[in-house]
Amino acid sequence: MFFGLSDFFVETNRDFVRQLSSRKIDYEYHETAGEHSWEYWDRALQPMLRAMARTLSVSAVAEKECPFPPRI
């Protein structure tokens, strides 16, 4: 999960992460600069999809067939 530090959901997201931790559920969580906006999601979506693909063990398929190449 990737969320911006200025996102109005940031405290809700942190509460959710605390619940996952208390139940010993594996997760990946990142907070970066940004807010709840399309500009943020344009930057965060590709890394989030790659992390999800790794978690689901389909990274080779996801990277090969992804119609949206990573932005550099």
PDB file of N, CA and C in Angstrom:
ATOM      1  N   MET A   1       0.846  -1.162   0.000  1.00  0.00           N
ATOM      2  CA  MET A   1       0.000   0.000   0.000  1.00  0.00           C
ATOM      3  C   MET A   1       0.898   1.233   0.000  1.00  0.00           C
ATOM      4  N   PHE A   2       0.541   2.194  -0.785  1.00  0.00           N
ATOM      5  CA  PHE A   2       1.290   3.438  -0.871  1.00  0.00           C
ATOM      6  C   PHE A   2       0.327   4.585  -0.584  1.00  0.00           C
ATOM      7  N   PHE A   3       0.704   5.464   0.329  1.00  0.00           N
ATOM      8  CA  PHE A   3      -0.163   6.578   0.659  1.00  0.00           C
ATOM      9  C   PHE A   3       0.648   7.835   0.885  1.00  0.00           C
ATOM     10  N   GLY A   4       0.057   8.966   0.496  1.00  0.00           N
ATOM     11  CA  GLY A   4       0.714  10.253   0.660  1.00  0.00           C
ATOM     12  C   GLY A   4       0.570  10.778   2.073  1.00  0.00           C
ATOM     13  N   LEU A   5       1.608  11.421   2.563  1.00  0.00           N
ATOM     14  CA  LEU A   5       1.596  11.970   3.917  1.00  0.00           C
ATOM     15  C   LEU A   5       0.542  13.051   4.105  1.00  0.00           C
ATOM     16  N   SER A   6       0.137  13.707   3.025  1.00  0.00           N
ATOM     17  CA  SER A   6      -0.878  14.758   3.120  1.00  0.00           C
ATOM     18  C   SER A   6      -2.273  14.243   2.760  1.00  0.00           C
ATOM     19  N   ASP A   7      -2.405  12.950   2.571  1.00  0.00           N
ATOM     20  CA  ASP A   7      -3.695  12.343   2.239  1.00  0.00           C
ATOM     21  C   ASP A   7      -4.616  12.433   3.451  1.00  0.00           C
ATOM     22  N   PHE A   8      -5.865  12.820   3.246  1.00  0.00           N
ATOM     23  CA  PHE A   8      -6.789  12.923   4.372  1.00  0.00           C
ATOM     24  C   PHE A   8      -7.141  11.557   4.955  1.00  0.00           C
ATOM     25  N   PHE A   9      -6.739  10.465   4.296  1.00  0.00           N
ATOM     26  CA  PHE A   9      -6.943   9.115   4.823  1.00  0.00           C
ATOM     27  C   PHE A   9      -5.732   8.596   5.601  1.00  0.00           C
ATOM     28  N   VAL A  10      -4.683   9.398   5.766  1.00  0.00           N
ATOM     29  CA  VAL A  10      -3.444   8.875   6.322  1.00  0.00           C
ATOM     30  C   VAL A  10      -3.641   8.267   7.712  1.00  0.00           C
ATOM     31  N   GLU A  11      -4.415   8.875   8.576  1.00  0.00           N
ATOM     32  CA  GLU A  11      -4.628   8.308   9.916  1.00  0.00           C
ATOM     33  C   GLU A  11      -5.455   7.023   9.852  1.00  0.00           C
ATOM     34  N   THR A  12      -6.425   6.970   8.961  1.00  0.00           N
ATOM     35  CA  THR A  12      -7.204   5.742   8.767  1.00  0.00           C
ATOM     36  C   THR A  12      -6.290   4.627   8.282  1.00  0.00           C
ATOM     37  N   ASN A  13      -5.400   4.952   7.358  1.00  0.00           N
ATOM     38  CA  ASN A  13      -4.452   3.964   6.842  1.00  0.00           C
ATOM     39  C   ASN A  13      -3.517   3.480   7.948  1.00  0.00           C
ATOM     40  N   ARG A  14      -3.055   4.379   8.774  1.00  0.00           N
ATOM     41  CA  ARG A  14      -2.170   3.992   9.871  1.00  0.00           C
ATOM     42  C   ARG A  14      -2.902   3.092  10.873  1.00  0.00           C
ATOM     43  N   ASP A  15      -4.159   3.397  11.140  1.00  0.00           N
ATOM     44  CA  ASP A  15      -4.962   2.530  12.015  1.00  0.00           C
ATOM     45  C   ASP A  15      -5.080   1.127  11.424  1.00  0.00           C
ATOM     46  N   PHE A  16      -5.312   1.061  10.128  1.00  0.00           N
ATOM     47  CA  PHE A  16      -5.415  -0.227   9.447  1.00  0.00           C
ATOM     48  C   PHE A  16      -4.109  -1.007   9.553  1.00  0.00           C
ATOM     49  N   VAL A  17      -2.984  -0.325   9.361  1.00  0.00           N
ATOM     50  CA  VAL A  17      -1.672  -0.964   9.467  1.00  0.00           C
ATOM     51  C   VAL A  17      -1.458  -1.488  10.889  1.00  0.00           C
ATOM     52  N   ARG A  18      -1.869  -0.729  11.888  1.00  0.00           N
ATOM     53  CA  ARG A  18      -1.740  -1.203  13.273  1.00  0.00           C
ATOM     54  C   ARG A  18      -2.568  -2.470  13.496  1.00  0.00           C
ATOM     55  N   GLN A  19      -3.751  -2.519  12.900  1.00  0.00           N
ATOM     56  CA  GLN A  19      -4.585  -3.727  13.018  1.00  0.00           C
ATOM     57  C   GLN A  19      -3.918  -4.916  12.341  1.00  0.00           C
ATOM     58  N   LEU A  20      -3.356  -4.702  11.153  1.00  0.00           N
ATOM     59  CA  LEU A  20      -2.652  -5.788  10.470  1.00  0.00           C
ATOM     60  C   LEU A  20      -1.493  -6.294  11.326  1.00  0.00           C
ATOM     61  N   SER A  21      -0.719  -5.367  11.882  1.00  0.00           N
ATOM     62  CA  SER A  21       0.423  -5.747  12.719  1.00  0.00           C
ATOM     63  C   SER A  21      -0.023  -6.514  13.957  1.00  0.00           C
ATOM     64  N   SER A  22      -1.075  -6.053  14.598  1.00  0.00           N
ATOM     65  CA  SER A  22      -1.535  -6.714  15.822  1.00  0.00           C
ATOM     66  C   SER A  22      -2.010  -8.143  15.547  1.00  0.00           C
ATOM     67  N   ARG A  23      -2.426  -8.390  14.308  1.00  0.00           N
ATOM     68  CA  ARG A  23      -2.875  -9.742  13.923  1.00  0.00           C
ATOM     69  C   ARG A  23      -1.780 -10.537  13.218  1.00  0.00           C
ATOM     70  N   LYS A  24      -0.573  -9.941  13.192  1.00  0.00           N
ATOM     71  CA  LYS A  24       0.592 -10.579  12.567  1.00  0.00           C
ATOM     72  C   LYS A  24       0.340 -10.958  11.106  1.00  0.00           C
ATOM     73  N   ILE A  25      -0.321 -10.058  10.392  1.00  0.00           N
ATOM     74  CA  ILE A  25      -0.597 -10.231   8.965  1.00  0.00           C
ATOM     75  C   ILE A  25       0.511  -9.521   8.186  1.00  0.00           C
ATOM     76  N   ASP A  26       1.121 -10.233   7.248  1.00  0.00           N
ATOM     77  CA  ASP A  26       2.159  -9.621   6.418  1.00  0.00           C
ATOM     78  C   ASP A  26       1.553  -8.547   5.522  1.00  0.00           C
ATOM     79  N   TYR A  27       2.280  -7.464   5.361  1.00  0.00           N
ATOM     80  CA  TYR A  27       1.842  -6.380   4.491  1.00  0.00           C
ATOM     81  C   TYR A  27       3.059  -5.551   4.107  1.00  0.00           C
ATOM     82  N   GLU A  28       2.881  -4.732   3.102  1.00  0.00           N
ATOM     83  CA  GLU A  28       3.899  -3.756   2.724  1.00  0.00           C
ATOM     84  C   GLU A  28       3.209  -2.410   2.707  1.00  0.00           C
ATOM     85  N   TYR A  29       3.766  -1.433   3.381  1.00  0.00           N
ATOM     86  CA  TYR A  29       3.139  -0.122   3.513  1.00  0.00           C
ATOM     87  C   TYR A  29       4.197   0.953   3.348  1.00  0.00           C
ATOM     88  N   HIS A  30       3.905   1.954   2.533  1.00  0.00           N
ATOM     89  CA  HIS A  30       4.832   3.063   2.296  1.00  0.00           C
ATOM     90  C   HIS A  30       4.073   4.379   2.390  1.00  0.00           C
ATOM     91  N   GLU A  31       4.659   5.333   3.049  1.00  0.00           N
ATOM     92  CA  GLU A  31       4.139   6.696   3.049  1.00  0.00           C
ATOM     93  C   GLU A  31       5.173   7.570   2.354  1.00  0.00           C
ATOM     94  N   THR A  32       4.714   8.347   1.409  1.00  0.00           N
ATOM     95  CA  THR A  32       5.606   9.250   0.698  1.00  0.00           C
ATOM     96  C   THR A  32       4.954  10.624   0.623  1.00  0.00           C
ATOM     97  N   ALA A  33       5.704  11.611   0.215  1.00  0.00           N
ATOM     98  CA  ALA A  33       5.158  12.960   0.081  1.00  0.00           C
ATOM     99  C   ALA A  33       4.033  12.963  -0.938  1.00  0.00           C
ATOM    100  N   GLY A  34       2.961  13.632  -0.623  1.00  0.00           N
ATOM    101  CA  GLY A  34       1.853  13.744  -1.563  1.00  0.00           C
ATOM    102  C   GLY A  34       0.517  13.792  -0.848  1.00  0.00           C
ATOM    103  N   GLU A  35      -0.528  13.984  -1.636  1.00  0.00           N
ATOM    104  CA  GLU A  35      -1.883  14.072  -1.093  1.00  0.00           C
ATOM    105  C   GLU A  35      -2.796  13.174  -1.897  1.00  0.00           C
ATOM    106  N   HIS A  36      -4.077  13.205  -1.571  1.00  0.00           N
ATOM    107  CA  HIS A  36      -5.069  12.380  -2.258  1.00  0.00           C
ATOM    108  C   HIS A  36      -5.417  13.061  -3.589  1.00  0.00           C
ATOM    109  N   SER A  37      -4.592  12.770  -4.615  1.00  0.00           N
ATOM    110  CA  SER A  37      -4.776  13.442  -5.899  1.00  0.00           C
ATOM    111  C   SER A  37      -4.341  12.524  -7.032  1.00  0.00           C
ATOM    112  N   TRP A  38      -4.749  12.863  -8.256  1.00  0.00           N
ATOM    113  CA  TRP A  38      -4.336  12.086  -9.418  1.00  0.00           C
ATOM    114  C   TRP A  38      -2.832  12.174  -9.625  1.00  0.00           C
ATOM    115  N   GLU A  39      -2.219  13.307  -9.335  1.00  0.00           N
ATOM    116  CA  GLU A  39      -0.778  13.435  -9.490  1.00  0.00           C
ATOM    117  C   GLU A  39      -0.051  12.417  -8.614  1.00  0.00           C
ATOM    118  N   TYR A  40      -0.534  12.257  -7.387  1.00  0.00           N
ATOM    119  CA  TYR A  40       0.082  11.281  -6.494  1.00  0.00           C
ATOM    120  C   TYR A  40      -0.089   9.871  -7.050  1.00  0.00           C
ATOM    121  N   TRP A  41      -1.302   9.525  -7.451  1.00  0.00           N
ATOM    122  CA  TRP A  41      -1.564   8.174  -7.949  1.00  0.00           C
ATOM    123  C   TRP A  41      -0.818   7.892  -9.246  1.00  0.00           C
ATOM    124  N   ASP A  42      -0.630   8.905 -10.070  1.00  0.00           N
ATOM    125  CA  ASP A  42       0.169   8.712 -11.285  1.00  0.00           C
ATOM    126  C   ASP A  42       1.587   8.264 -10.929  1.00  0.00           C
ATOM    127  N   ARG A  43       2.133   8.797  -9.844  1.00  0.00           N
ATOM    128  CA  ARG A  43       3.478   8.417  -9.405  1.00  0.00           C
ATOM    129  C   ARG A  43       3.489   7.093  -8.658  1.00  0.00           C
ATOM    130  N   ALA A  44       2.472   6.825  -7.866  1.00  0.00           N
ATOM    131  CA  ALA A  44       2.485   5.683  -6.940  1.00  0.00           C
ATOM    132  C   ALA A  44       1.933   4.390  -7.530  1.00  0.00           C
ATOM    133  N   LEU A  45       1.148   4.477  -8.574  1.00  0.00           N
ATOM    134  CA  LEU A  45       0.450   3.289  -9.057  1.00  0.00           C
ATOM    135  C   LEU A  45       1.386   2.201  -9.567  1.00  0.00           C
ATOM    136  N   GLN A  46       2.369   2.534 -10.393  1.00  0.00           N
ATOM    137  CA  GLN A  46       3.264   1.515 -10.930  1.00  0.00           C
ATOM    138  C   GLN A  46       4.050   0.789  -9.828  1.00  0.00           C
ATOM    139  N   PRO A  47       4.684   1.501  -8.882  1.00  0.00           N
ATOM    140  CA  PRO A  47       5.372   0.776  -7.803  1.00  0.00           C
ATOM    141  C   PRO A  47       4.416  -0.103  -6.991  1.00  0.00           C
ATOM    142  N   MET A  48       3.204   0.374  -6.766  1.00  0.00           N
ATOM    143  CA  MET A  48       2.234  -0.413  -6.009  1.00  0.00           C
ATOM    144  C   MET A  48       1.857  -1.680  -6.774  1.00  0.00           C
ATOM    145  N   LEU A  49       1.623  -1.569  -8.078  1.00  0.00           N
ATOM    146  CA  LEU A  49       1.276  -2.744  -8.872  1.00  0.00           C
ATOM    147  C   LEU A  49       2.429  -3.742  -8.921  1.00  0.00           C
ATOM    148  N   ARG A  50       3.675  -3.249  -9.007  1.00  0.00           N
ATOM    149  CA  ARG A  50       4.827  -4.157  -8.990  1.00  0.00           C
ATOM    150  C   ARG A  50       4.935  -4.881  -7.649  1.00  0.00           C
ATOM    151  N   ALA A  51       4.709  -4.165  -6.550  1.00  0.00           N
ATOM    152  CA  ALA A  51       4.754  -4.796  -5.228  1.00  0.00           C
ATOM    153  C   ALA A  51       3.654  -5.844  -5.096  1.00  0.00           C
ATOM    154  N   MET A  52       2.478  -5.533  -5.604  1.00  0.00           N
ATOM    155  CA  MET A  52       1.383  -6.503  -5.557  1.00  0.00           C
ATOM    156  C   MET A  52       1.711  -7.727  -6.413  1.00  0.00           C
ATOM    157  N   ALA A  53       2.302  -7.510  -7.565  1.00  0.00           N
ATOM    158  CA  ALA A  53       2.663  -8.623  -8.442  1.00  0.00           C
ATOM    159  C   ALA A  53       3.694  -9.520  -7.765  1.00  0.00           C
ATOM    160  N   ARG A  54       4.683  -8.918  -7.085  1.00  0.00           N
ATOM    161  CA  ARG A  54       5.679  -9.722  -6.361  1.00  0.00           C
ATOM    162  C   ARG A  54       4.990 -10.554  -5.283  1.00  0.00           C
ATOM    163  N   THR A  55       4.066  -9.934  -4.571  1.00  0.00           N
ATOM    164  CA  THR A  55       3.363 -10.627  -3.498  1.00  0.00           C
ATOM    165  C   THR A  55       2.545 -11.786  -4.041  1.00  0.00           C
ATOM    166  N   LEU A  56       1.974 -11.587  -5.196  1.00  0.00           N
ATOM    167  CA  LEU A  56       1.143 -12.629  -5.804  1.00  0.00           C
ATOM    168  C   LEU A  56       1.956 -13.599  -6.648  1.00  0.00           C
ATOM    169  N   SER A  57       3.272 -13.408  -6.668  1.00  0.00           N
ATOM    170  CA  SER A  57       4.194 -14.278  -7.414  1.00  0.00           C
ATOM    171  C   SER A  57       3.886 -14.336  -8.900  1.00  0.00           C
ATOM    172  N   VAL A  58       3.509 -13.219  -9.455  1.00  0.00           N
ATOM    173  CA  VAL A  58       3.264 -13.166 -10.892  1.00  0.00           C
ATOM    174  C   VAL A  58       4.083 -12.044 -11.526  1.00  0.00           C
ATOM    175  N   SER A  59       5.195 -11.685 -10.917  1.00  0.00           N
ATOM    176  CA  SER A  59       5.941 -10.525 -11.394  1.00  0.00           C
ATOM    177  C   SER A  59       6.414 -10.682 -12.826  1.00  0.00           C
ATOM    178  N   ALA A  60       6.839 -11.870 -13.220  1.00  0.00           N
ATOM    179  CA  ALA A  60       7.304 -12.059 -14.598  1.00  0.00           C
ATOM    180  C   ALA A  60       6.182 -11.808 -15.583  1.00  0.00           C
ATOM    181  N   VAL A  61       5.013 -12.322 -15.312  1.00  0.00           N
ATOM    182  CA  VAL A  61       3.868 -12.120 -16.192  1.00  0.00           C
ATOM    183  C   VAL A  61       3.438 -10.664 -16.155  1.00  0.00           C
ATOM    184  N   ALA A  62       3.360 -10.083 -14.969  1.00  0.00           N
ATOM    185  CA  ALA A  62       2.895  -8.699 -14.832  1.00  0.00           C
ATOM    186  C   ALA A  62       3.811  -7.729 -15.562  1.00  0.00           C
ATOM    187  N   GLU A  63       5.115  -7.903 -15.414  1.00  0.00           N
ATOM    188  CA  GLU A  63       6.040  -6.977 -16.066  1.00  0.00           C
ATOM    189  C   GLU A  63       6.060  -7.190 -17.567  1.00  0.00           C
ATOM    190  N   LYS A  64       5.915  -8.419 -18.015  1.00  0.00           N
ATOM    191  CA  LYS A  64       5.932  -8.703 -19.447  1.00  0.00           C
ATOM    192  C   LYS A  64       4.676  -8.187 -20.133  1.00  0.00           C
ATOM    193  N   GLU A  65       3.529  -8.338 -19.489  1.00  0.00           N
ATOM    194  CA  GLU A  65       2.260  -8.018 -20.124  1.00  0.00           C
ATOM    195  C   GLU A  65       1.681  -6.669 -19.717  1.00  0.00           C
ATOM    196  N   CYS A  66       2.336  -5.960 -18.801  1.00  0.00           N
ATOM    197  CA  CYS A  66       1.817  -4.679 -18.336  1.00  0.00           C
ATOM    198  C   CYS A  66       1.815  -3.670 -19.489  1.00  0.00           C
ATOM    199  N   PRO A  67       0.643  -3.121 -19.836  1.00  0.00           N
ATOM    200  CA  PRO A  67       0.583  -2.172 -20.947  1.00  0.00           C
ATOM    201  C   PRO A  67       1.130  -0.793 -20.588  1.00  0.00           C
ATOM    202  N   PHE A  68       1.455  -0.562 -19.300  1.00  0.00           N
ATOM    203  CA  PHE A  68       1.936   0.730 -18.860  1.00  0.00           C
ATOM    204  C   PHE A  68       3.367   0.575 -18.381  1.00  0.00           C
ATOM    205  N   PRO A  69       4.362   0.906 -19.199  1.00  0.00           N
ATOM    206  CA  PRO A  69       5.748   0.749 -18.777  1.00  0.00           C
ATOM    207  C   PRO A  69       6.064   1.686 -17.594  1.00  0.00           C
ATOM    208  N   PRO A  70       6.983   1.277 -16.728  1.00  0.00           N
ATOM    209  CA  PRO A  70       7.341   2.129 -15.603  1.00  0.00           C
ATOM    210  C   PRO A  70       7.894   3.468 -16.072  1.00  0.00           C
ATOM    211  N   ARG A  71       7.562   4.513 -15.335  1.00  0.00           N
ATOM    212  CA  ARG A  71       8.087   5.837 -15.657  1.00  0.00           C
ATOM    213  C   ARG A  71       9.423   6.019 -14.985  1.00  0.00           C
ATOM    214  N   ILE A  72      10.349   6.623 -15.694  1.00  0.00           N
ATOM    215  CA  ILE A  72      11.680   6.859 -15.133  1.00  0.00           C
ATOM    216  C   ILE A  72      11.936   8.340 -15.080  1.00  0.00           C
TER     217      ILE A  72
END
